[in-house]
Amino acid sequence: SHQINGEQPAMPDAAAKQALATLGARYKNKSNVMYALQVEPHDVSWSQLRPVYEDMVDAIRSAAAPSSPIVMVSGTSWGRNISGAIADPVRRPNIVYKSHQYNSRAEFQRYFLDAHDAGLPVFIGEFGEAYGSSITMTMDDVNELLRVARERNIGWAAWIFDYKGPPVLLSDRNFTPTQPYGETIRQEMSTTPALPR
């Protein structure tokens, strides 16, 4: 549902639902495929998103039947805040709540840790250090996020494995890590043990 001019839509639309259903049909026999709904919803409430998400999950699962793939759903506020799911979760199985963290560690608890503490499956779908952009996350925040994720067994994905961004993990086409952000992520990936199966 990414518009032609590159702007993020506020919430998923019918075209996104159809595209994901098409993918569900294509990969219906692949147990290692999961789906993500709407990258960064914004200017909408959780109560508006949840029923749309349920409709999209139903479309994917109908197309992917008999499998029931994992579906990741983002929170509000550009995907950062998944706290709405604590009291009003997506009423479907195999849902993971995905949060994008580009903010200070002072906001981690309310944006995603409360949901984790409430027993919801949580994944940090994006995060990254500010590079002169509107992102407020510092390297201290990045390090704290990595520590919290490690201690609580929360999976994560750093943004972005590229040298164009920001924030970027690479400084050039030769895969040289940026300093200190890219190098910190490289170190974390090389020293963190795999999660238990």
Protein backbone atom coordinates (compact mmCIF):
# COMPACT_ATOMS: atom_id res chain seq x y z
CA SER A 1 0.00 0.00 0.00
CA HIS A 2 2.97 2.29 -0.52
CA GLN A 3 1.77 5.22 -2.56
CA ILE A 4 3.44 6.12 -5.84
CA ASN A 5 4.84 9.34 -4.39
CA GLY A 6 6.61 7.37 -1.66
CA GLU A 7 4.51 8.52 1.28
CA GLN A 8 3.44 5.96 3.84
CA PRO A 9 -0.32 5.53 4.05
CA ALA A 10 -1.76 5.96 7.53
CA MET A 11 -3.11 2.41 7.58
CA PRO A 12 -3.44 -0.62 5.28
CA ASP A 13 -5.83 -0.45 2.37
CA ALA A 14 -7.65 -2.98 0.17
CA ALA A 15 -4.70 -3.17 -2.24
CA ALA A 16 -2.39 -4.20 0.61
CA LYS A 17 -4.86 -6.85 1.73
CA GLN A 18 -5.11 -8.25 -1.79
CA ALA A 19 -1.34 -8.25 -2.27
CA LEU A 20 -0.81 -10.17 0.97
CA ALA A 21 -3.56 -12.65 0.09
CA THR A 22 -1.85 -13.23 -3.26
CA LEU A 23 1.43 -13.90 -1.45
CA GLY A 24 -0.40 -16.18 0.99
CA ALA A 25 -1.64 -18.27 -1.92
CA ARG A 26 1.79 -18.33 -3.56
CA TYR A 27 3.59 -19.49 -0.42
CA LYS A 28 0.83 -21.58 1.15
CA ASN A 29 3.01 -24.67 1.47
CA LYS A 30 6.04 -22.86 2.87
CA SER A 31 6.15 -23.12 6.65
CA ASN A 32 9.07 -20.69 6.86
CA VAL A 33 7.21 -17.69 5.39
CA MET A 34 5.71 -15.05 7.65
CA TYR A 35 3.88 -11.85 6.84
CA ALA A 36 3.98 -8.27 8.09
CA LEU A 37 1.06 -5.87 7.89
CA GLN A 38 1.62 -2.15 7.32
CA VAL A 39 5.10 -0.93 8.00
CA GLU A 40 4.38 2.20 10.04
CA PRO A 41 0.75 3.08 10.76
CA HIS A 42 0.32 6.68 11.85
CA ASP A 43 -2.39 9.19 12.65
CA VAL A 44 -4.76 6.32 13.55
CA SER A 45 -5.76 4.69 16.81
CA TRP A 46 -5.23 1.06 17.78
CA SER A 47 -9.00 0.59 17.86
CA GLN A 48 -9.09 1.60 14.18
CA LEU A 49 -6.17 -0.67 13.22
CA ARG A 50 -7.08 -3.87 15.04
CA PRO A 51 -10.18 -4.79 12.98
CA VAL A 52 -8.34 -3.95 9.75
CA TYR A 53 -5.48 -6.19 10.84
CA GLU A 54 -7.89 -9.02 11.67
CA ASP A 55 -9.46 -8.73 8.22
CA MET A 56 -6.02 -8.84 6.60
CA VAL A 57 -4.92 -11.82 8.70
CA ASP A 58 -8.10 -13.64 7.68
CA ALA A 59 -7.37 -12.94 4.00
CA ILE A 60 -3.80 -14.23 4.30
CA ARG A 61 -4.80 -17.31 6.26
CA SER A 62 -7.66 -18.12 3.89
CA ALA A 63 -5.27 -17.97 0.95
CA ALA A 64 -2.53 -19.87 2.80
CA ALA A 65 -4.80 -22.62 4.19
CA PRO A 66 -4.25 -25.14 5.59
CA SER A 67 -1.16 -23.45 7.07
CA SER A 68 -1.51 -20.67 9.64
CA PRO A 69 1.56 -18.48 9.11
CA ILE A 70 2.94 -16.04 11.63
CA VAL A 71 1.75 -12.50 10.96
CA MET A 72 3.53 -9.44 12.36
CA VAL A 73 1.44 -6.38 13.13
CA SER A 74 2.84 -2.92 13.82
CA GLY A 75 1.62 -0.51 16.42
CA THR A 76 0.52 3.09 16.14
CA SER A 77 2.70 6.22 16.07
CA TRP A 78 4.71 5.15 13.03
CA GLY A 79 4.82 1.56 14.27
CA ARG A 80 6.38 2.40 17.62
CA ASN A 81 3.55 1.94 20.10
CA ILE A 82 2.11 -1.56 20.50
CA SER A 83 0.57 -0.89 23.92
CA GLY A 84 -2.98 -0.88 22.52
CA ALA A 85 -2.70 -4.62 22.02
CA ILE A 86 -2.42 -5.26 25.76
CA ALA A 87 -6.11 -4.63 26.40
CA ASP A 88 -7.31 -5.21 22.84
CA PRO A 89 -5.12 -7.78 21.05
CA VAL A 90 -5.57 -8.96 17.50
CA ARG A 91 -7.97 -11.87 17.98
CA ARG A 92 -6.16 -14.36 15.79
CA PRO A 93 -3.49 -17.01 16.53
CA ASN A 94 0.18 -16.70 15.55
CA ILE A 95 0.36 -12.92 15.85
CA VAL A 96 3.59 -11.10 16.73
CA TYR A 97 3.53 -7.42 17.69
CA LYS A 98 6.25 -5.48 15.89
CA SER A 99 7.56 -2.18 17.20
CA HIS A 100 9.87 0.31 15.48
CA GLN A 101 12.06 2.04 18.03
CA TYR A 102 13.67 5.29 16.95
CA ASN A 103 13.14 7.03 20.25
CA SER A 104 14.86 7.35 23.60
CA ARG A 105 15.06 4.52 26.10
CA ALA A 106 12.70 6.47 28.36
CA GLU A 107 9.90 5.43 25.99
CA PHE A 108 10.76 1.72 25.67
CA GLN A 109 8.55 0.65 28.57
CA ARG A 110 5.33 2.19 27.30
CA TYR A 111 5.99 1.59 23.61
CA PHE A 112 6.85 -2.13 23.71
CA LEU A 113 8.04 -3.48 27.06
CA ASP A 114 4.61 -3.23 28.70
CA ALA A 115 3.25 -5.45 25.91
CA HIS A 116 6.12 -7.90 26.37
CA ASP A 117 5.59 -7.90 30.15
CA ALA A 118 1.89 -8.61 29.55
CA GLY A 119 2.88 -11.80 27.71
CA LEU A 120 2.42 -10.66 24.12
CA PRO A 121 4.98 -11.85 21.55
CA VAL A 122 7.08 -8.80 20.64
CA PHE A 123 9.67 -8.17 17.92
CA ILE A 124 11.66 -4.97 17.43
CA GLY A 125 11.19 -4.54 13.69
CA GLU A 126 13.42 -1.50 13.23
CA PHE A 127 15.66 0.77 15.23
CA GLY A 128 18.67 2.93 14.60
CA GLU A 129 20.89 5.75 15.74
CA ALA A 130 20.10 9.30 14.71
CA TYR A 131 22.27 10.68 11.92
CA GLY A 132 21.16 14.28 11.75
CA SER A 133 17.58 13.28 11.05
CA SER A 134 14.35 13.53 13.02
CA ILE A 135 15.24 10.28 14.82
CA THR A 136 15.96 10.86 18.51
CA MET A 137 17.62 7.52 19.31
CA THR A 138 21.21 7.93 20.49
CA MET A 139 23.93 5.28 20.68
CA ASP A 140 23.25 5.04 24.42
CA ASP A 141 19.63 4.23 23.52
CA VAL A 142 20.76 1.67 20.92
CA ASN A 143 22.98 -0.04 23.49
CA GLU A 144 20.17 -0.06 26.04
CA LEU A 145 17.75 -1.52 23.50
CA LEU A 146 20.21 -4.29 22.68
CA ARG A 147 20.74 -5.01 26.39
CA VAL A 148 17.00 -5.15 27.09
CA ALA A 149 16.37 -7.34 24.04
CA ARG A 150 19.16 -9.71 25.07
CA GLU A 151 17.95 -9.96 28.67
CA ARG A 152 14.30 -10.51 27.72
CA ASN A 153 14.88 -12.65 24.62
CA ILE A 154 13.22 -10.15 22.29
CA GLY A 155 14.16 -10.51 18.65
CA TRP A 156 15.17 -7.46 16.66
CA ALA A 157 16.22 -6.13 13.26
CA ALA A 158 18.43 -3.05 12.96
CA TRP A 159 17.73 -0.49 10.24
CA ILE A 160 19.18 -0.43 7.55
CA PHE A 161 21.67 -2.78 5.88
CA ASP A 162 22.71 -0.15 3.37
CA TYR A 163 25.01 2.84 3.07
CA LYS A 164 22.20 5.20 2.09
CA GLY A 165 19.72 6.13 4.77
CA PRO A 166 19.72 7.28 7.59
CA PRO A 167 20.30 5.43 9.84
CA VAL A 168 22.68 3.09 8.06
CA LEU A 169 24.74 0.11 9.15
CA LEU A 170 27.23 0.36 6.28
CA SER A 171 29.53 3.18 5.26
CA ASP A 172 30.23 1.94 1.73
CA ARG A 173 29.59 -0.75 -0.88
CA ASN A 174 32.32 -2.92 0.66
CA PHE A 175 30.13 -3.62 3.71
CA THR A 176 32.31 -1.57 6.04
CA PRO A 177 30.28 -0.98 9.23
CA THR A 178 29.50 2.59 10.21
CA GLN A 179 31.06 3.77 13.45
CA PRO A 180 29.82 3.29 16.05
CA TYR A 181 26.32 2.12 15.04
CA GLY A 182 27.13 -0.48 12.38
CA GLU A 183 30.05 -1.87 14.36
CA THR A 184 27.91 -2.15 17.50
CA ILE A 185 25.28 -4.15 15.62
CA ARG A 186 27.94 -6.35 14.00
CA GLN A 187 29.41 -7.09 17.43
CA GLU A 188 26.00 -7.84 18.94
CA MET A 189 25.13 -10.22 16.12
CA SER A 190 28.44 -12.05 16.44
CA THR A 191 28.33 -12.48 20.22
CA THR A 192 24.66 -12.98 21.07
CA PRO A 193 23.71 -16.65 21.31
CA ALA A 194 20.79 -17.90 19.28
CA LEU A 195 17.42 -17.87 21.01
CA PRO A 196 16.23 -21.21 22.36
CA ARG A 197 14.00 -23.18 20.02
